[in-house]
């Protein structure tokens, strides 16, 4: 008998208030065992994890009354093509109420990710393996972060001075760090505390300032530079 874990599995189901589609397409070879380190560990049973998230979303749309359509992709098909997220489960959401999820910088979207990670019983360092998006909000944000990284890189190279981004969430900071991984002449560090934590870009090998860098005062989660610290 063929191993179900090595073959694609597709299930579609219509529910009241929205459309739900699971797409499982994964092989054990896609997620080889990892050594114990700080990297997120793979989700062992993608199908079971996706079904738990689906049950949560069904409650959200029926009991909560949110008019949403959503699609859950689990396994290799969920991977981020830009490599900025370590996602293994990807939830795409749309519909009349999807705009509510993206208000206040996607605050509710991040809350849903956090709840879903708790439902699947992931450790804090594994939360990035689950990603929610609504109306391509996060996809556009990822593109913005990547462009901002490229622009900031040119500024640091031309001035030989460090550049500080605005404070942002831990997930977006990690995305910025990954966006700089191909720039061999630059280094990134996170600085600050709590909600004021931000990313600083340095020329590789540059001496760090004695005083801790201060976060720019422009926006709570924007990657756009201010006039005072613009990499244009």
C-alpha atoms as a PDB file:
ATOM      1  CA  UNK A   1       0.000   0.000   0.000  1.00  0.00           C
ATOM      2  CA  UNK A   2       1.313   3.410  -0.936  1.00  0.00           C
ATOM      3  CA  UNK A   3       2.404   5.710   1.872  1.00  0.00           C
ATOM      4  CA  UNK A   4      -0.162   8.518   2.066  1.00  0.00           C
ATOM      5  CA  UNK A   5       2.508  10.885   3.351  1.00  0.00           C
ATOM      6  CA  UNK A   6       4.414  10.613   0.064  1.00  0.00           C
ATOM      7  CA  UNK A   7       1.469  11.320  -2.262  1.00  0.00           C
ATOM      8  CA  UNK A   8      -0.558  14.495  -2.866  1.00  0.00           C
ATOM      9  CA  UNK A   9      -3.791  14.729  -0.912  1.00  0.00           C
ATOM     10  CA  UNK A  10      -6.549  17.136  -1.900  1.00  0.00           C
ATOM     11  CA  UNK A  11      -9.797  17.743  -0.032  1.00  0.00           C
ATOM     12  CA  UNK A  12     -12.402  20.370  -0.831  1.00  0.00           C
ATOM     13  CA  UNK A  13     -15.302  21.201   1.426  1.00  0.00           C
ATOM     14  CA  UNK A  14     -18.056  23.823   1.224  1.00  0.00           C
ATOM     15  CA  UNK A  15     -19.193  25.397   4.489  1.00  0.00           C
ATOM     16  CA  UNK A  16     -21.750  28.020   5.463  1.00  0.00           C
ATOM     17  CA  UNK A  17     -20.359  31.494   5.030  1.00  0.00           C
ATOM     18  CA  UNK A  18     -17.351  30.604   2.938  1.00  0.00           C
ATOM     19  CA  UNK A  19     -15.338  28.188   0.841  1.00  0.00           C
ATOM     20  CA  UNK A  20     -12.662  25.990   2.327  1.00  0.00           C
ATOM     21  CA  UNK A  21     -10.034  24.071   0.404  1.00  0.00           C
ATOM     22  CA  UNK A  22      -7.193  22.037   1.839  1.00  0.00           C
ATOM     23  CA  UNK A  23      -4.247  21.258  -0.386  1.00  0.00           C
ATOM     24  CA  UNK A  24      -1.732  18.826   1.037  1.00  0.00           C
ATOM     25  CA  UNK A  25       1.240  18.098  -1.176  1.00  0.00           C
ATOM     26  CA  UNK A  26       4.283  16.927   0.718  1.00  0.00           C
ATOM     27  CA  UNK A  27       6.867  14.171   0.995  1.00  0.00           C
ATOM     28  CA  UNK A  28       9.047  13.203   3.918  1.00  0.00           C
ATOM     29  CA  UNK A  29      12.066  14.021   1.753  1.00  0.00           C
ATOM     30  CA  UNK A  30      10.873  17.646   1.574  1.00  0.00           C
ATOM     31  CA  UNK A  31      11.422  18.034   5.322  1.00  0.00           C
ATOM     32  CA  UNK A  32      14.544  16.090   6.344  1.00  0.00           C
ATOM     33  CA  UNK A  33      15.364  15.779  10.060  1.00  0.00           C
ATOM     34  CA  UNK A  34      17.095  18.856  11.463  1.00  0.00           C
ATOM     35  CA  UNK A  35      19.732  19.004  14.136  1.00  0.00           C
ATOM     36  CA  UNK A  36      18.785  20.583  17.454  1.00  0.00           C
ATOM     37  CA  UNK A  37      19.321  24.317  16.974  1.00  0.00           C
ATOM     38  CA  UNK A  38      17.346  27.546  17.065  1.00  0.00           C
ATOM     39  CA  UNK A  39      15.681  26.977  13.687  1.00  0.00           C
ATOM     40  CA  UNK A  40      11.947  26.150  13.626  1.00  0.00           C
ATOM     41  CA  UNK A  41      11.291  22.417  13.608  1.00  0.00           C
ATOM     42  CA  UNK A  42       9.042  21.015  10.876  1.00  0.00           C
ATOM     43  CA  UNK A  43       5.412  20.200  11.567  1.00  0.00           C
ATOM     44  CA  UNK A  44       5.215  16.399  11.748  1.00  0.00           C
ATOM     45  CA  UNK A  45       1.611  15.864  10.549  1.00  0.00           C
ATOM     46  CA  UNK A  46       0.601  18.609   8.128  1.00  0.00           C
ATOM     47  CA  UNK A  47      -2.852  17.162   7.453  1.00  0.00           C
ATOM     48  CA  UNK A  48      -3.788  16.970  11.135  1.00  0.00           C
ATOM     49  CA  UNK A  49      -2.433  20.467  11.807  1.00  0.00           C
ATOM     50  CA  UNK A  50      -4.348  21.932   8.853  1.00  0.00           C
ATOM     51  CA  UNK A  51      -7.579  20.249   9.962  1.00  0.00           C
ATOM     52  CA  UNK A  52      -7.232  21.791  13.439  1.00  0.00           C
ATOM     53  CA  UNK A  53      -6.751  25.220  11.883  1.00  0.00           C
ATOM     54  CA  UNK A  54      -9.730  24.590   9.596  1.00  0.00           C
ATOM     55  CA  UNK A  55     -11.934  23.803  12.599  1.00  0.00           C
ATOM     56  CA  UNK A  56     -10.841  27.063  14.234  1.00  0.00           C
ATOM     57  CA  UNK A  57     -11.596  29.054  11.066  1.00  0.00           C
ATOM     58  CA  UNK A  58     -14.976  27.375  10.715  1.00  0.00           C
ATOM     59  CA  UNK A  59     -15.875  28.600  14.202  1.00  0.00           C
ATOM     60  CA  UNK A  60     -14.648  32.053  13.228  1.00  0.00           C
ATOM     61  CA  UNK A  61     -16.919  32.207  10.176  1.00  0.00           C
ATOM     62  CA  UNK A  62     -20.003  30.512  11.629  1.00  0.00           C
ATOM     63  CA  UNK A  63     -20.136  31.458  15.306  1.00  0.00           C
ATOM     64  CA  UNK A  64     -18.151  34.669  14.809  1.00  0.00           C
ATOM     65  CA  UNK A  65     -20.101  35.619  11.704  1.00  0.00           C
ATOM     66  CA  UNK A  66     -17.087  36.769   9.697  1.00  0.00           C
ATOM     67  CA  UNK A  67     -17.677  36.608   5.943  1.00  0.00           C
ATOM     68  CA  UNK A  68     -14.457  35.023   4.809  1.00  0.00           C
ATOM     69  CA  UNK A  69     -13.253  32.616   2.158  1.00  0.00           C
ATOM     70  CA  UNK A  70     -10.077  30.765   2.992  1.00  0.00           C
ATOM     71  CA  UNK A  71      -7.707  28.208   1.560  1.00  0.00           C
ATOM     72  CA  UNK A  72      -5.226  26.169   3.581  1.00  0.00           C
ATOM     73  CA  UNK A  73      -2.082  24.904   1.872  1.00  0.00           C
ATOM     74  CA  UNK A  74       0.096  22.482   3.828  1.00  0.00           C
ATOM     75  CA  UNK A  75       3.440  20.896   3.062  1.00  0.00           C
ATOM     76  CA  UNK A  76       5.897  21.725   0.298  1.00  0.00           C
ATOM     77  CA  UNK A  77       3.305  23.788  -1.608  1.00  0.00           C
ATOM     78  CA  UNK A  78       3.130  26.243   1.292  1.00  0.00           C
ATOM     79  CA  UNK A  79       6.753  27.300   1.009  1.00  0.00           C
ATOM     80  CA  UNK A  80       7.531  30.987   0.521  1.00  0.00           C
ATOM     81  CA  UNK A  81       8.976  31.431  -3.002  1.00  0.00           C
ATOM     82  CA  UNK A  82      11.082  34.374  -1.755  1.00  0.00           C
ATOM     83  CA  UNK A  83      12.426  32.392   1.200  1.00  0.00           C
ATOM     84  CA  UNK A  84      11.529  35.137   3.701  1.00  0.00           C
ATOM     85  CA  UNK A  85       9.223  32.894   5.743  1.00  0.00           C
ATOM     86  CA  UNK A  86       9.783  29.348   7.009  1.00  0.00           C
ATOM     87  CA  UNK A  87       6.143  28.493   6.487  1.00  0.00           C
ATOM     88  CA  UNK A  88       4.849  24.943   6.179  1.00  0.00           C
ATOM     89  CA  UNK A  89       1.173  25.874   6.454  1.00  0.00           C
ATOM     90  CA  UNK A  90      -0.156  28.854   4.497  1.00  0.00           C
ATOM     91  CA  UNK A  91      -3.679  30.249   4.908  1.00  0.00           C
ATOM     92  CA  UNK A  92      -4.988  32.605   2.212  1.00  0.00           C
ATOM     93  CA  UNK A  93      -8.082  34.598   3.177  1.00  0.00           C
ATOM     94  CA  UNK A  94     -10.426  36.823   1.187  1.00  0.00           C
ATOM     95  CA  UNK A  95     -14.053  37.944   1.216  1.00  0.00           C
ATOM     96  CA  UNK A  96     -16.114  40.946   2.398  1.00  0.00           C
ATOM     97  CA  UNK A  97     -14.646  40.943   5.921  1.00  0.00           C
ATOM     98  CA  UNK A  98     -11.026  40.250   4.965  1.00  0.00           C
ATOM     99  CA  UNK A  99     -10.280  43.967   5.208  1.00  0.00           C
ATOM    100  CA  UNK A 100     -10.877  43.751   8.976  1.00  0.00           C
ATOM    101  CA  UNK A 101      -7.887  41.427   9.269  1.00  0.00           C
ATOM    102  CA  UNK A 102      -5.480  43.909   7.685  1.00  0.00           C
ATOM    103  CA  UNK A 103      -6.409  47.014   9.669  1.00  0.00           C
ATOM    104  CA  UNK A 104      -3.892  48.491  12.125  1.00  0.00           C
ATOM    105  CA  UNK A 105      -1.001  46.986  10.186  1.00  0.00           C
ATOM    106  CA  UNK A 106      -2.468  43.493  10.088  1.00  0.00           C
ATOM    107  CA  UNK A 107      -2.871  43.253  13.857  1.00  0.00           C
ATOM    108  CA  UNK A 108      -5.793  40.797  13.697  1.00  0.00           C
ATOM    109  CA  UNK A 109      -4.012  38.729  11.049  1.00  0.00           C
ATOM    110  CA  UNK A 110      -1.040  38.295  13.391  1.00  0.00           C
ATOM    111  CA  UNK A 111      -3.412  37.390  16.222  1.00  0.00           C
ATOM    112  CA  UNK A 112      -4.945  34.607  14.105  1.00  0.00           C
ATOM    113  CA  UNK A 113      -1.459  33.266  13.349  1.00  0.00           C
ATOM    114  CA  UNK A 114      -0.649  33.229  17.049  1.00  0.00           C
ATOM    115  CA  UNK A 115      -3.867  31.413  17.955  1.00  0.00           C
ATOM    116  CA  UNK A 116      -3.378  28.874  15.164  1.00  0.00           C
ATOM    117  CA  UNK A 117       0.175  28.175  16.360  1.00  0.00           C
ATOM    118  CA  UNK A 118      -1.137  27.593  19.878  1.00  0.00           C
ATOM    119  CA  UNK A 119      -3.855  25.256  18.591  1.00  0.00           C
ATOM    120  CA  UNK A 120      -1.225  23.168  16.795  1.00  0.00           C
ATOM    121  CA  UNK A 121       0.916  23.303  19.968  1.00  0.00           C
ATOM    122  CA  UNK A 122       3.977  24.911  18.388  1.00  0.00           C
ATOM    123  CA  UNK A 123       6.783  26.358  20.450  1.00  0.00           C
ATOM    124  CA  UNK A 124       7.418  30.104  20.176  1.00  0.00           C
ATOM    125  CA  UNK A 125      10.397  29.611  17.829  1.00  0.00           C
ATOM    126  CA  UNK A 126       8.205  27.457  15.561  1.00  0.00           C
ATOM    127  CA  UNK A 127       5.378  29.983  15.058  1.00  0.00           C
ATOM    128  CA  UNK A 128       6.816  31.125  11.726  1.00  0.00           C
ATOM    129  CA  UNK A 129       5.928  27.764  10.198  1.00  0.00           C
ATOM    130  CA  UNK A 130       2.291  28.970  10.043  1.00  0.00           C
ATOM    131  CA  UNK A 131       1.461  32.037   7.965  1.00  0.00           C
ATOM    132  CA  UNK A 132      -1.875  33.786   7.354  1.00  0.00           C
ATOM    133  CA  UNK A 133      -2.512  36.313   4.587  1.00  0.00           C
ATOM    134  CA  UNK A 134      -5.587  38.309   3.545  1.00  0.00           C
ATOM    135  CA  UNK A 135      -6.076  40.027   0.192  1.00  0.00           C
ATOM    136  CA  UNK A 136      -2.314  39.613  -0.416  1.00  0.00           C
ATOM    137  CA  UNK A 137      -1.606  42.039   2.457  1.00  0.00           C
ATOM    138  CA  UNK A 138       1.439  40.143   3.746  1.00  0.00           C
ATOM    139  CA  UNK A 139       2.702  39.301   0.273  1.00  0.00           C
ATOM    140  CA  UNK A 140       2.748  43.005  -0.585  1.00  0.00           C
ATOM    141  CA  UNK A 141       4.343  43.822   2.767  1.00  0.00           C
ATOM    142  CA  UNK A 142       7.078  41.229   2.131  1.00  0.00           C
ATOM    143  CA  UNK A 143       7.740  42.830  -1.246  1.00  0.00           C
ATOM    144  CA  UNK A 144       7.967  46.237   0.436  1.00  0.00           C
ATOM    145  CA  UNK A 145      10.432  44.917   3.020  1.00  0.00           C
ATOM    146  CA  UNK A 146      12.583  43.394   0.298  1.00  0.00           C
ATOM    147  CA  UNK A 147      12.672  46.643  -1.696  1.00  0.00           C
ATOM    148  CA  UNK A 148      13.427  48.625   1.470  1.00  0.00           C
ATOM    149  CA  UNK A 149      16.290  46.253   2.246  1.00  0.00           C
ATOM    150  CA  UNK A 150      17.772  46.790  -1.211  1.00  0.00           C
ATOM    151  CA  UNK A 151      17.457  50.575  -0.906  1.00  0.00           C
ATOM    152  CA  UNK A 152      18.942  50.617   2.608  1.00  0.00           C
ATOM    153  CA  UNK A 153      21.802  48.422   1.426  1.00  0.00           C
ATOM    154  CA  UNK A 154      22.746  50.994  -1.212  1.00  0.00           C
ATOM    155  CA  UNK A 155      22.647  53.744   1.432  1.00  0.00           C
ATOM    156  CA  UNK A 156      24.962  51.845   3.797  1.00  0.00           C
ATOM    157  CA  UNK A 157      27.369  51.057   0.975  1.00  0.00           C
ATOM    158  CA  UNK A 158      27.513  54.656  -0.226  1.00  0.00           C
ATOM    159  CA  UNK A 159      27.875  56.245   3.219  1.00  0.00           C
ATOM    160  CA  UNK A 160      29.630  53.458   5.174  1.00  0.00           C
ATOM    161  CA  UNK A 161      27.240  54.363   7.981  1.00  0.00           C
ATOM    162  CA  UNK A 162      24.706  52.078   9.735  1.00  0.00           C
ATOM    163  CA  UNK A 163      21.034  52.348   8.889  1.00  0.00           C
ATOM    164  CA  UNK A 164      18.164  51.761  11.348  1.00  0.00           C
ATOM    165  CA  UNK A 165      14.713  50.558  10.303  1.00  0.00           C
ATOM    166  CA  UNK A 166      11.567  51.463  12.201  1.00  0.00           C
ATOM    167  CA  UNK A 167      10.409  49.125  14.998  1.00  0.00           C
ATOM    168  CA  UNK A 168       8.437  46.137  13.733  1.00  0.00           C
ATOM    169  CA  UNK A 169       7.187  42.710  14.751  1.00  0.00           C
ATOM    170  CA  UNK A 170       9.580  39.822  15.368  1.00  0.00           C
ATOM    171  CA  UNK A 171       8.347  38.071  12.224  1.00  0.00           C
ATOM    172  CA  UNK A 172       9.035  41.122  10.034  1.00  0.00           C
ATOM    173  CA  UNK A 173      12.433  41.632  11.647  1.00  0.00           C
ATOM    174  CA  UNK A 174      13.296  38.046  10.764  1.00  0.00           C
ATOM    175  CA  UNK A 175      12.137  38.653   7.209  1.00  0.00           C
ATOM    176  CA  UNK A 176      14.456  41.675   6.998  1.00  0.00           C
ATOM    177  CA  UNK A 177      17.404  39.674   8.305  1.00  0.00           C
ATOM    178  CA  UNK A 178      16.720  37.062   5.624  1.00  0.00           C
ATOM    179  CA  UNK A 179      16.387  39.752   2.943  1.00  0.00           C
ATOM    180  CA  UNK A 180      20.003  40.775   3.699  1.00  0.00           C
ATOM    181  CA  UNK A 181      21.436  37.249   3.645  1.00  0.00           C
ATOM    182  CA  UNK A 182      22.638  37.625   0.026  1.00  0.00           C
ATOM    183  CA  UNK A 183      24.511  40.867   0.770  1.00  0.00           C
ATOM    184  CA  UNK A 184      27.930  39.510   1.741  1.00  0.00           C
ATOM    185  CA  UNK A 185      29.283  43.003   2.473  1.00  0.00           C
ATOM    186  CA  UNK A 186      26.595  43.862   5.056  1.00  0.00           C
ATOM    187  CA  UNK A 187      25.497  42.651   8.498  1.00  0.00           C
ATOM    188  CA  UNK A 188      22.229  43.077  10.403  1.00  0.00           C
ATOM    189  CA  UNK A 189      21.417  43.105  14.104  1.00  0.00           C
ATOM    190  CA  UNK A 190      18.273  43.659  16.141  1.00  0.00           C
ATOM    191  CA  UNK A 191      18.327  46.372  18.783  1.00  0.00           C
ATOM    192  CA  UNK A 192      15.877  47.878  21.250  1.00  0.00           C
ATOM    193  CA  UNK A 193      13.389  46.302  23.610  1.00  0.00           C
ATOM    194  CA  UNK A 194       9.826  44.994  23.333  1.00  0.00           C
ATOM    195  CA  UNK A 195       7.618  46.786  20.815  1.00  0.00           C
ATOM    196  CA  UNK A 196      10.466  49.210  20.072  1.00  0.00           C
ATOM    197  CA  UNK A 197      12.808  46.499  18.777  1.00  0.00           C
ATOM    198  CA  UNK A 198      14.203  47.226  15.291  1.00  0.00           C
ATOM    199  CA  UNK A 199      16.796  46.117  12.726  1.00  0.00           C
ATOM    200  CA  UNK A 200      20.111  47.907  12.157  1.00  0.00           C
ATOM    201  CA  UNK A 201      22.255  47.385   9.031  1.00  0.00           C
ATOM    202  CA  UNK A 202      26.065  47.747   9.264  1.00  0.00           C
ATOM    203  CA  UNK A 203      28.930  47.444   6.788  1.00  0.00           C
ATOM    204  CA  UNK A 204      30.464  44.027   7.378  1.00  0.00           C
ATOM    205  CA  UNK A 205      33.054  44.134  10.129  1.00  0.00           C
ATOM    206  CA  UNK A 206      32.169  47.702  11.120  1.00  0.00           C
ATOM    207  CA  UNK A 207      32.824  48.711  14.708  1.00  0.00           C
ATOM    208  CA  UNK A 208      29.616  48.920  16.735  1.00  0.00           C
ATOM    209  CA  UNK A 209      28.801  52.232  18.476  1.00  0.00           C
ATOM    210  CA  UNK A 210      29.346  52.348  22.225  1.00  0.00           C
ATOM    211  CA  UNK A 211      25.839  53.659  22.806  1.00  0.00           C
ATOM    212  CA  UNK A 212      22.891  51.503  21.750  1.00  0.00           C
ATOM    213  CA  UNK A 213      21.257  52.681  18.469  1.00  0.00           C
ATOM    214  CA  UNK A 214      17.920  54.444  18.843  1.00  0.00           C
ATOM    215  CA  UNK A 215      14.842  53.519  16.855  1.00  0.00           C
ATOM    216  CA  UNK A 216      13.746  56.051  14.205  1.00  0.00           C
ATOM    217  CA  UNK A 217      10.581  57.965  15.042  1.00  0.00           C
ATOM    218  CA  UNK A 218       8.569  57.172  11.921  1.00  0.00           C
ATOM    219  CA  UNK A 219       5.715  54.699  12.084  1.00  0.00           C
ATOM    220  CA  UNK A 220       5.267  51.734  14.373  1.00  0.00           C
ATOM    221  CA  UNK A 221       5.753  49.020  11.769  1.00  0.00           C
ATOM    222  CA  UNK A 222       6.746  50.724   8.530  1.00  0.00           C
ATOM    223  CA  UNK A 223       9.907  49.885   6.645  1.00  0.00           C
ATOM    224  CA  UNK A 224       9.807  53.201   4.816  1.00  0.00           C
ATOM    225  CA  UNK A 225      12.694  55.517   5.683  1.00  0.00           C
ATOM    226  CA  UNK A 226      12.234  58.968   7.120  1.00  0.00           C
ATOM    227  CA  UNK A 227      13.747  62.072   5.574  1.00  0.00           C
ATOM    228  CA  UNK A 228      16.201  62.221   8.439  1.00  0.00           C
ATOM    229  CA  UNK A 229      17.408  58.667   7.856  1.00  0.00           C
ATOM    230  CA  UNK A 230      16.511  58.071   4.234  1.00  0.00           C
ATOM    231  CA  UNK A 231      18.395  55.588   2.073  1.00  0.00           C
ATOM    232  CA  UNK A 232      17.159  57.273  -1.118  1.00  0.00           C
END
